[in-house]
Amino acid sequence: MANRSDFFEEFQKNISELIARSPAADIERNVKAMMSQTFSRLDLITREEFETQSQLLERALARISVLEAKVQALETSARLNAAPDE
């Protein structure tokens, strides 16, 4: 029984080494490097950066809505104050 487990362990070790030295591993590394270069040239941002900018934009839009309402109220008030007294 010990010989069988030793055989399987040795077999697994040999397969792992074979895969690590195979052209597939080189191809994977080359593809990753190529994709990394391509992505860096595209000037992409991370998901976290995107979420941060989205939150900032939402807050800015909310502030703009509040300010628009204040301007509208001030314009209405100015029109009422400028109306001739009857």
PDB file of N, CA and C in Angstrom:
ATOM      1  N   MET A   1       0.816  -1.204   0.000  1.00  0.00           N
ATOM      2  CA  MET A   1       0.000   0.000   0.000  1.00  0.00           C
ATOM      3  C   MET A   1       0.859   1.267   0.000  1.00  0.00           C
ATOM      4  N   ALA A   2       1.925   1.265   0.758  1.00  0.00           N
ATOM      5  CA  ALA A   2       2.792   2.442   0.814  1.00  0.00           C
ATOM      6  C   ALA A   2       3.384   2.720  -0.560  1.00  0.00           C
ATOM      7  N   ASN A   3       3.687   1.651  -1.297  1.00  0.00           N
ATOM      8  CA  ASN A   3       4.248   1.836  -2.635  1.00  0.00           C
ATOM      9  C   ASN A   3       3.261   2.533  -3.558  1.00  0.00           C
ATOM     10  N   ARG A   4       1.982   2.219  -3.413  1.00  0.00           N
ATOM     11  CA  ARG A   4       0.970   2.845  -4.258  1.00  0.00           C
ATOM     12  C   ARG A   4       0.884   4.348  -3.985  1.00  0.00           C
ATOM     13  N   SER A   5       0.826   4.739  -2.719  1.00  0.00           N
ATOM     14  CA  SER A   5       0.722   6.166  -2.411  1.00  0.00           C
ATOM     15  C   SER A   5       2.003   6.886  -2.833  1.00  0.00           C
ATOM     16  N   ASP A   6       3.169   6.231  -2.631  1.00  0.00           N
ATOM     17  CA  ASP A   6       4.419   6.838  -3.097  1.00  0.00           C
ATOM     18  C   ASP A   6       4.399   6.995  -4.617  1.00  0.00           C
ATOM     19  N   PHE A   7       3.889   5.980  -5.309  1.00  0.00           N
ATOM     20  CA  PHE A   7       3.805   6.028  -6.762  1.00  0.00           C
ATOM     21  C   PHE A   7       2.915   7.187  -7.205  1.00  0.00           C
ATOM     22  N   PHE A   8       1.758   7.339  -6.587  1.00  0.00           N
ATOM     23  CA  PHE A   8       0.837   8.406  -6.961  1.00  0.00           C
ATOM     24  C   PHE A   8       1.402   9.793  -6.635  1.00  0.00           C
ATOM     25  N   GLU A   9       2.061   9.907  -5.508  1.00  0.00           N
ATOM     26  CA  GLU A   9       2.678  11.181  -5.148  1.00  0.00           C
ATOM     27  C   GLU A   9       3.771  11.552  -6.151  1.00  0.00           C
ATOM     28  N   GLU A  10       4.597  10.555  -6.498  1.00  0.00           N
ATOM     29  CA  GLU A  10       5.662  10.789  -7.485  1.00  0.00           C
ATOM     30  C   GLU A  10       5.067  11.135  -8.846  1.00  0.00           C
ATOM     31  N   PHE A  11       3.991  10.430  -9.213  1.00  0.00           N
ATOM     32  CA  PHE A  11       3.317  10.681 -10.487  1.00  0.00           C
ATOM     33  C   PHE A  11       2.748  12.104 -10.516  1.00  0.00           C
ATOM     34  N   GLN A  12       2.105  12.504  -9.442  1.00  0.00           N
ATOM     35  CA  GLN A  12       1.532  13.853  -9.345  1.00  0.00           C
ATOM     36  C   GLN A  12       2.636  14.908  -9.411  1.00  0.00           C
ATOM     37  N   LYS A  13       3.735  14.665  -8.738  1.00  0.00           N
ATOM     38  CA  LYS A  13       4.860  15.593  -8.752  1.00  0.00           C
ATOM     39  C   LYS A  13       5.413  15.731 -10.169  1.00  0.00           C
ATOM     40  N   ASN A  14       5.565  14.609 -10.859  1.00  0.00           N
ATOM     41  CA  ASN A  14       6.085  14.650 -12.231  1.00  0.00           C
ATOM     42  C   ASN A  14       5.139  15.390 -13.176  1.00  0.00           C
ATOM     43  N   ILE A  15       3.855  15.174 -13.023  1.00  0.00           N
ATOM     44  CA  ILE A  15       2.869  15.866 -13.865  1.00  0.00           C
ATOM     45  C   ILE A  15       2.913  17.362 -13.592  1.00  0.00           C
ATOM     46  N   SER A  16       2.981  17.755 -12.343  1.00  0.00           N
ATOM     47  CA  SER A  16       3.044  19.180 -11.982  1.00  0.00           C
ATOM     48  C   SER A  16       4.284  19.835 -12.578  1.00  0.00           C
ATOM     49  N   GLU A  17       5.428  19.145 -12.500  1.00  0.00           N
ATOM     50  CA  GLU A  17       6.658  19.683 -13.073  1.00  0.00           C
ATOM     51  C   GLU A  17       6.549  19.788 -14.596  1.00  0.00           C
ATOM     52  N   LEU A  18       5.939  18.790 -15.202  1.00  0.00           N
ATOM     53  CA  LEU A  18       5.776  18.785 -16.652  1.00  0.00           C
ATOM     54  C   LEU A  18       4.908  19.959 -17.104  1.00  0.00           C
ATOM     55  N   ILE A  19       3.827  20.193 -16.387  1.00  0.00           N
ATOM     56  CA  ILE A  19       2.927  21.303 -16.723  1.00  0.00           C
ATOM     57  C   ILE A  19       3.649  22.633 -16.531  1.00  0.00           C
ATOM     58  N   ALA A  20       4.419  22.753 -15.471  1.00  0.00           N
ATOM     59  CA  ALA A  20       5.136  24.000 -15.195  1.00  0.00           C
ATOM     60  C   ALA A  20       6.162  24.306 -16.280  1.00  0.00           C
ATOM     61  N   ARG A  21       6.740  23.256 -16.887  1.00  0.00           N
ATOM     62  CA  ARG A  21       7.750  23.455 -17.925  1.00  0.00           C
ATOM     63  C   ARG A  21       7.172  23.396 -19.332  1.00  0.00           C
ATOM     64  N   SER A  22       5.872  23.218 -19.443  1.00  0.00           N
ATOM     65  CA  SER A  22       5.257  23.058 -20.764  1.00  0.00           C
ATOM     66  C   SER A  22       5.146  24.388 -21.496  1.00  0.00           C
ATOM     67  N   PRO A  23       4.967  24.342 -22.796  1.00  0.00           N
ATOM     68  CA  PRO A  23       4.753  25.582 -23.556  1.00  0.00           C
ATOM     69  C   PRO A  23       3.484  26.315 -23.115  1.00  0.00           C
ATOM     70  N   ALA A  24       2.523  25.595 -22.571  1.00  0.00           N
ATOM     71  CA  ALA A  24       1.280  26.237 -22.125  1.00  0.00           C
ATOM     72  C   ALA A  24       1.566  27.280 -21.054  1.00  0.00           C
ATOM     73  N   ALA A  25       2.486  26.988 -20.149  1.00  0.00           N
ATOM     74  CA  ALA A  25       2.834  27.946 -19.096  1.00  0.00           C
ATOM     75  C   ALA A  25       3.491  29.181 -19.709  1.00  0.00           C
ATOM     76  N   ASP A  26       4.366  28.985 -20.700  1.00  0.00           N
ATOM     77  CA  ASP A  26       5.002  30.115 -21.377  1.00  0.00           C
ATOM     78  C   ASP A  26       3.963  30.948 -22.120  1.00  0.00           C
ATOM     79  N   ILE A  27       3.052  30.280 -22.791  1.00  0.00           N
ATOM     80  CA  ILE A  27       2.004  30.982 -23.533  1.00  0.00           C
ATOM     81  C   ILE A  27       1.153  31.814 -22.570  1.00  0.00           C
ATOM     82  N   GLU A  28       0.812  31.234 -21.438  1.00  0.00           N
ATOM     83  CA  GLU A  28       0.004  31.948 -20.452  1.00  0.00           C
ATOM     84  C   GLU A  28       0.728  33.203 -19.962  1.00  0.00           C
ATOM     85  N   ARG A  29       2.004  33.065 -19.653  1.00  0.00           N
ATOM     86  CA  ARG A  29       2.775  34.232 -19.190  1.00  0.00           C
ATOM     87  C   ARG A  29       2.849  35.300 -20.279  1.00  0.00           C
ATOM     88  N   ASN A  30       3.073  34.869 -21.519  1.00  0.00           N
ATOM     89  CA  ASN A  30       3.166  35.829 -22.624  1.00  0.00           C
ATOM     90  C   ASN A  30       1.841  36.538 -22.867  1.00  0.00           C
ATOM     91  N   VAL A  31       0.751  35.809 -22.806  1.00  0.00           N
ATOM     92  CA  VAL A  31      -0.570  36.414 -23.005  1.00  0.00           C
ATOM     93  C   VAL A  31      -0.870  37.406 -21.892  1.00  0.00           C
ATOM     94  N   LYS A  32      -0.543  37.040 -20.650  1.00  0.00           N
ATOM     95  CA  LYS A  32      -0.768  37.958 -19.533  1.00  0.00           C
ATOM     96  C   LYS A  32       0.050  39.235 -19.703  1.00  0.00           C
ATOM     97  N   ALA A  33       1.287  39.106 -20.115  1.00  0.00           N
ATOM     98  CA  ALA A  33       2.137  40.282 -20.310  1.00  0.00           C
ATOM     99  C   ALA A  33       1.588  41.157 -21.428  1.00  0.00           C
ATOM    100  N   MET A  34       1.162  40.530 -22.522  1.00  0.00           N
ATOM    101  CA  MET A  34       0.616  41.282 -23.651  1.00  0.00           C
ATOM    102  C   MET A  34      -0.665  42.008 -23.250  1.00  0.00           C
ATOM    103  N   MET A  35      -1.537  41.335 -22.519  1.00  0.00           N
ATOM    104  CA  MET A  35      -2.784  41.955 -22.077  1.00  0.00           C
ATOM    105  C   MET A  35      -2.502  43.097 -21.111  1.00  0.00           C
ATOM    106  N   SER A  36      -1.548  42.919 -20.249  1.00  0.00           N
ATOM    107  CA  SER A  36      -1.192  43.972 -19.296  1.00  0.00           C
ATOM    108  C   SER A  36      -0.708  45.216 -20.031  1.00  0.00           C
ATOM    109  N   GLN A  37       0.135  45.035 -21.044  1.00  0.00           N
ATOM    110  CA  GLN A  37       0.609  46.173 -21.833  1.00  0.00           C
ATOM    111  C   GLN A  37      -0.542  46.855 -22.559  1.00  0.00           C
ATOM    112  N   THR A  38      -1.426  46.061 -23.129  1.00  0.00           N
ATOM    113  CA  THR A  38      -2.565  46.612 -23.863  1.00  0.00           C
ATOM    114  C   THR A  38      -3.466  47.410 -22.933  1.00  0.00           C
ATOM    115  N   PHE A  39      -3.762  46.864 -21.771  1.00  0.00           N
ATOM    116  CA  PHE A  39      -4.626  47.559 -20.820  1.00  0.00           C
ATOM    117  C   PHE A  39      -3.979  48.848 -20.324  1.00  0.00           C
ATOM    118  N   SER A  40      -2.676  48.846 -20.122  1.00  0.00           N
ATOM    119  CA  SER A  40      -2.016  50.062 -19.645  1.00  0.00           C
ATOM    120  C   SER A  40      -2.059  51.148 -20.716  1.00  0.00           C
ATOM    121  N   ARG A  41      -2.004  50.771 -21.992  1.00  0.00           N
ATOM    122  CA  ARG A  41      -2.098  51.761 -23.071  1.00  0.00           C
ATOM    123  C   ARG A  41      -3.513  52.307 -23.210  1.00  0.00           C
ATOM    124  N   LEU A  42      -4.506  51.553 -22.794  1.00  0.00           N
ATOM    125  CA  LEU A  42      -5.893  51.994 -22.912  1.00  0.00           C
ATOM    126  C   LEU A  42      -6.285  52.977 -21.828  1.00  0.00           C
ATOM    127  N   ASP A  43      -5.419  53.177 -20.848  1.00  0.00           N
ATOM    128  CA  ASP A  43      -5.688  54.121 -19.763  1.00  0.00           C
ATOM    129  C   ASP A  43      -6.995  53.776 -19.049  1.00  0.00           C
ATOM    130  N   LEU A  44      -7.116  52.522 -18.660  1.00  0.00           N
ATOM    131  CA  LEU A  44      -8.306  52.053 -17.949  1.00  0.00           C
ATOM    132  C   LEU A  44      -8.194  52.371 -16.466  1.00  0.00           C
ATOM    133  N   ILE A  45      -9.346  52.386 -15.796  1.00  0.00           N
ATOM    134  CA  ILE A  45      -9.361  52.600 -14.350  1.00  0.00           C
ATOM    135  C   ILE A  45      -9.889  51.342 -13.673  1.00  0.00           C
ATOM    136  N   THR A  46      -9.618  51.259 -12.387  1.00  0.00           N
ATOM    137  CA  THR A  46     -10.108  50.109 -11.636  1.00  0.00           C
ATOM    138  C   THR A  46     -11.582  50.298 -11.302  1.00  0.00           C
ATOM    139  N   ARG A  47     -12.224  49.224 -10.921  1.00  0.00           N
ATOM    140  CA  ARG A  47     -13.629  49.275 -10.533  1.00  0.00           C
ATOM    141  C   ARG A  47     -13.790  50.193  -9.321  1.00  0.00           C
ATOM    142  N   GLU A  48     -12.837  50.139  -8.393  1.00  0.00           N
ATOM    143  CA  GLU A  48     -12.888  50.969  -7.190  1.00  0.00           C
ATOM    144  C   GLU A  48     -12.833  52.455  -7.557  1.00  0.00           C
ATOM    145  N   GLU A  49     -11.949  52.815  -8.487  1.00  0.00           N
ATOM    146  CA  GLU A  49     -11.872  54.205  -8.928  1.00  0.00           C
ATOM    147  C   GLU A  49     -13.175  54.640  -9.599  1.00  0.00           C
ATOM    148  N   PHE A  50     -13.753  53.750 -10.391  1.00  0.00           N
ATOM    149  CA  PHE A  50     -15.019  54.047 -11.053  1.00  0.00           C
ATOM    150  C   PHE A  50     -16.122  54.287 -10.040  1.00  0.00           C
ATOM    151  N   GLU A  51     -16.205  53.419  -9.031  1.00  0.00           N
ATOM    152  CA  GLU A  51     -17.229  53.563  -7.992  1.00  0.00           C
ATOM    153  C   GLU A  51     -17.049  54.878  -7.228  1.00  0.00           C
ATOM    154  N   THR A  52     -15.810  55.234  -6.922  1.00  0.00           N
ATOM    155  CA  THR A  52     -15.541  56.481  -6.215  1.00  0.00           C
ATOM    156  C   THR A  52     -16.010  57.675  -7.036  1.00  0.00           C
ATOM    157  N   GLN A  53     -15.680  57.687  -8.320  1.00  0.00           N
ATOM    158  CA  GLN A  53     -16.100  58.789  -9.188  1.00  0.00           C
ATOM    159  C   GLN A  53     -17.623  58.836  -9.337  1.00  0.00           C
ATOM    160  N   SER A  54     -18.248  57.663  -9.394  1.00  0.00           N
ATOM    161  CA  SER A  54     -19.718  57.612  -9.490  1.00  0.00           C
ATOM    162  C   SER A  54     -20.368  58.225  -8.254  1.00  0.00           C
ATOM    163  N   GLN A  55     -19.824  57.906  -7.085  1.00  0.00           N
ATOM    164  CA  GLN A  55     -20.361  58.463  -5.848  1.00  0.00           C
ATOM    165  C   GLN A  55     -20.174  59.985  -5.800  1.00  0.00           C
ATOM    166  N   LEU A  56     -19.007  60.450  -6.222  1.00  0.00           N
ATOM    167  CA  LEU A  56     -18.770  61.903  -6.255  1.00  0.00           C
ATOM    168  C   LEU A  56     -19.742  62.586  -7.204  1.00  0.00           C
ATOM    169  N   LEU A  57     -19.981  61.979  -8.346  1.00  0.00           N
ATOM    170  CA  LEU A  57     -20.918  62.547  -9.314  1.00  0.00           C
ATOM    171  C   LEU A  57     -22.337  62.596  -8.746  1.00  0.00           C
ATOM    172  N   GLU A  58     -22.758  61.531  -8.071  1.00  0.00           N
ATOM    173  CA  GLU A  58     -24.098  61.513  -7.472  1.00  0.00           C
ATOM    174  C   GLU A  58     -24.254  62.621  -6.442  1.00  0.00           C
ATOM    175  N   ARG A  59     -23.224  62.815  -5.610  1.00  0.00           N
ATOM    176  CA  ARG A  59     -23.285  63.892  -4.605  1.00  0.00           C
ATOM    177  C   ARG A  59     -23.329  65.258  -5.271  1.00  0.00           C
ATOM    178  N   ALA A  60     -22.544  65.441  -6.327  1.00  0.00           N
ATOM    179  CA  ALA A  60     -22.543  66.724  -7.036  1.00  0.00           C
ATOM    180  C   ALA A  60     -23.910  66.984  -7.659  1.00  0.00           C
ATOM    181  N   LEU A  61     -24.515  65.965  -8.257  1.00  0.00           N
ATOM    182  CA  LEU A  61     -25.835  66.134  -8.859  1.00  0.00           C
ATOM    183  C   LEU A  61     -26.889  66.469  -7.809  1.00  0.00           C
ATOM    184  N   ALA A  62     -26.775  65.865  -6.634  1.00  0.00           N
ATOM    185  CA  ALA A  62     -27.714  66.168  -5.556  1.00  0.00           C
ATOM    186  C   ALA A  62     -27.548  67.626  -5.107  1.00  0.00           C
ATOM    187  N   ARG A  63     -26.304  68.080  -4.987  1.00  0.00           N
ATOM    188  CA  ARG A  63     -26.066  69.474  -4.589  1.00  0.00           C
ATOM    189  C   ARG A  63     -26.581  70.439  -5.655  1.00  0.00           C
ATOM    190  N   ILE A  64     -26.402  70.077  -6.919  1.00  0.00           N
ATOM    191  CA  ILE A  64     -26.897  70.929  -8.007  1.00  0.00           C
ATOM    192  C   ILE A  64     -28.410  71.043  -7.935  1.00  0.00           C
ATOM    193  N   SER A  65     -29.098  69.946  -7.650  1.00  0.00           N
ATOM    194  CA  SER A  65     -30.563  69.981  -7.531  1.00  0.00           C
ATOM    195  C   SER A  65     -31.000  70.911  -6.414  1.00  0.00           C
ATOM    196  N   VAL A  66     -30.317  70.845  -5.279  1.00  0.00           N
ATOM    197  CA  VAL A  66     -30.643  71.715  -4.147  1.00  0.00           C
ATOM    198  C   VAL A  66     -30.409  73.177  -4.535  1.00  0.00           C
ATOM    199  N   LEU A  67     -29.287  73.440  -5.181  1.00  0.00           N
ATOM    200  CA  LEU A  67     -28.978  74.814  -5.582  1.00  0.00           C
ATOM    201  C   LEU A  67     -29.964  75.334  -6.632  1.00  0.00           C
ATOM    202  N   GLU A  68     -30.376  74.487  -7.557  1.00  0.00           N
ATOM    203  CA  GLU A  68     -31.380  74.891  -8.546  1.00  0.00           C
ATOM    204  C   GLU A  68     -32.690  75.275  -7.876  1.00  0.00           C
ATOM    205  N   ALA A  69     -33.076  74.498  -6.862  1.00  0.00           N
ATOM    206  CA  ALA A  69     -34.314  74.809  -6.143  1.00  0.00           C
ATOM    207  C   ALA A  69     -34.190  76.148  -5.416  1.00  0.00           C
ATOM    208  N   LYS A  70     -33.018  76.412  -4.826  1.00  0.00           N
ATOM    209  CA  LYS A  70     -32.808  77.693  -4.136  1.00  0.00           C
ATOM    210  C   LYS A  70     -32.854  78.853  -5.121  1.00  0.00           C
ATOM    211  N   VAL A  71     -32.215  78.696  -6.276  1.00  0.00           N
ATOM    212  CA  VAL A  71     -32.240  79.752  -7.289  1.00  0.00           C
ATOM    213  C   VAL A  71     -33.669  80.000  -7.747  1.00  0.00           C
ATOM    214  N   GLN A  72     -34.407  78.937  -7.975  1.00  0.00           N
ATOM    215  CA  GLN A  72     -35.806  79.072  -8.398  1.00  0.00           C
ATOM    216  C   GLN A  72     -36.610  79.844  -7.347  1.00  0.00           C
ATOM    217  N   ALA A  73     -36.391  79.515  -6.074  1.00  0.00           N
ATOM    218  CA  ALA A  73     -37.105  80.208  -5.000  1.00  0.00           C
ATOM    219  C   ALA A  73     -36.715  81.680  -4.946  1.00  0.00           C
ATOM    220  N   LEU A  74     -35.440  81.978  -5.099  1.00  0.00           N
ATOM    221  CA  LEU A  74     -34.983  83.373  -5.092  1.00  0.00           C
ATOM    222  C   LEU A  74     -35.544  84.147  -6.279  1.00  0.00           C
ATOM    223  N   GLU A  75     -35.589  83.521  -7.449  1.00  0.00           N
ATOM    224  CA  GLU A  75     -36.153  84.196  -8.619  1.00  0.00           C
ATOM    225  C   GLU A  75     -37.644  84.479  -8.427  1.00  0.00           C
ATOM    226  N   THR A  76     -38.355  83.531  -7.866  1.00  0.00           N
ATOM    227  CA  THR A  76     -39.782  83.722  -7.606  1.00  0.00           C
ATOM    228  C   THR A  76     -39.976  84.848  -6.605  1.00  0.00           C
ATOM    229  N   SER A  77     -39.173  84.829  -5.561  1.00  0.00           N
ATOM    230  CA  SER A  77     -39.274  85.881  -4.538  1.00  0.00           C
ATOM    231  C   SER A  77     -38.950  87.250  -5.136  1.00  0.00           C
ATOM    232  N   ALA A  78     -37.940  87.318  -5.995  1.00  0.00           N
ATOM    233  CA  ALA A  78     -37.562  88.588  -6.611  1.00  0.00           C
ATOM    234  C   ALA A  78     -38.681  89.100  -7.518  1.00  0.00           C
ATOM    235  N   ARG A  79     -39.349  88.207  -8.237  1.00  0.00           N
ATOM    236  CA  ARG A  79     -40.465  88.608  -9.100  1.00  0.00           C
ATOM    237  C   ARG A  79     -41.617  89.140  -8.272  1.00  0.00           C
ATOM    238  N   LEU A  80     -41.891  88.496  -7.149  1.00  0.00           N
ATOM    239  CA  LEU A  80     -42.998  88.958  -6.297  1.00  0.00           C
ATOM    240  C   LEU A  80     -42.678  90.313  -5.687  1.00  0.00           C
ATOM    241  N   ASN A  81     -41.433  90.534  -5.287  1.00  0.00           N
ATOM    242  CA  ASN A  81     -41.029  91.816  -4.698  1.00  0.00           C
ATOM    243  C   ASN A  81     -40.983  92.925  -5.726  1.00  0.00           C
ATOM    244  N   ALA A  82     -40.734  92.581  -6.955  1.00  0.00           N
ATOM    245  CA  ALA A  82     -40.648  93.587  -8.015  1.00  0.00           C
ATOM    246  C   ALA A  82     -42.008  93.935  -8.592  1.00  0.00           C
ATOM    247  N   ALA A  83     -43.026  93.169  -8.300  1.00  0.00           N
ATOM    248  CA  ALA A  83     -44.369  93.434  -8.844  1.00  0.00           C
ATOM    249  C   ALA A  83     -44.902  94.737  -8.260  1.00  0.00           C
ATOM    250  N   PRO A  84     -45.560  95.558  -9.072  1.00  0.00           N
ATOM    251  CA  PRO A  84     -46.104  96.830  -8.566  1.00  0.00           C
ATOM    252  C   PRO A  84     -47.204  96.571  -7.535  1.00  0.00           C
ATOM    253  N   ASP A  85     -47.236  97.390  -6.525  1.00  0.00           N
ATOM    254  CA  ASP A  85     -48.258  97.245  -5.477  1.00  0.00           C
ATOM    255  C   ASP A  85     -49.602  97.717  -6.019  1.00  0.00           C
ATOM    256  N   GLU A  86     -50.618  97.027  -5.742  1.00  0.00           N
ATOM    257  CA  GLU A  86     -51.956  97.385  -6.218  1.00  0.00           C
ATOM    258  C   GLU A  86     -52.772  97.996  -5.150  1.00  0.00           C
TER     259      GLU A  86
END
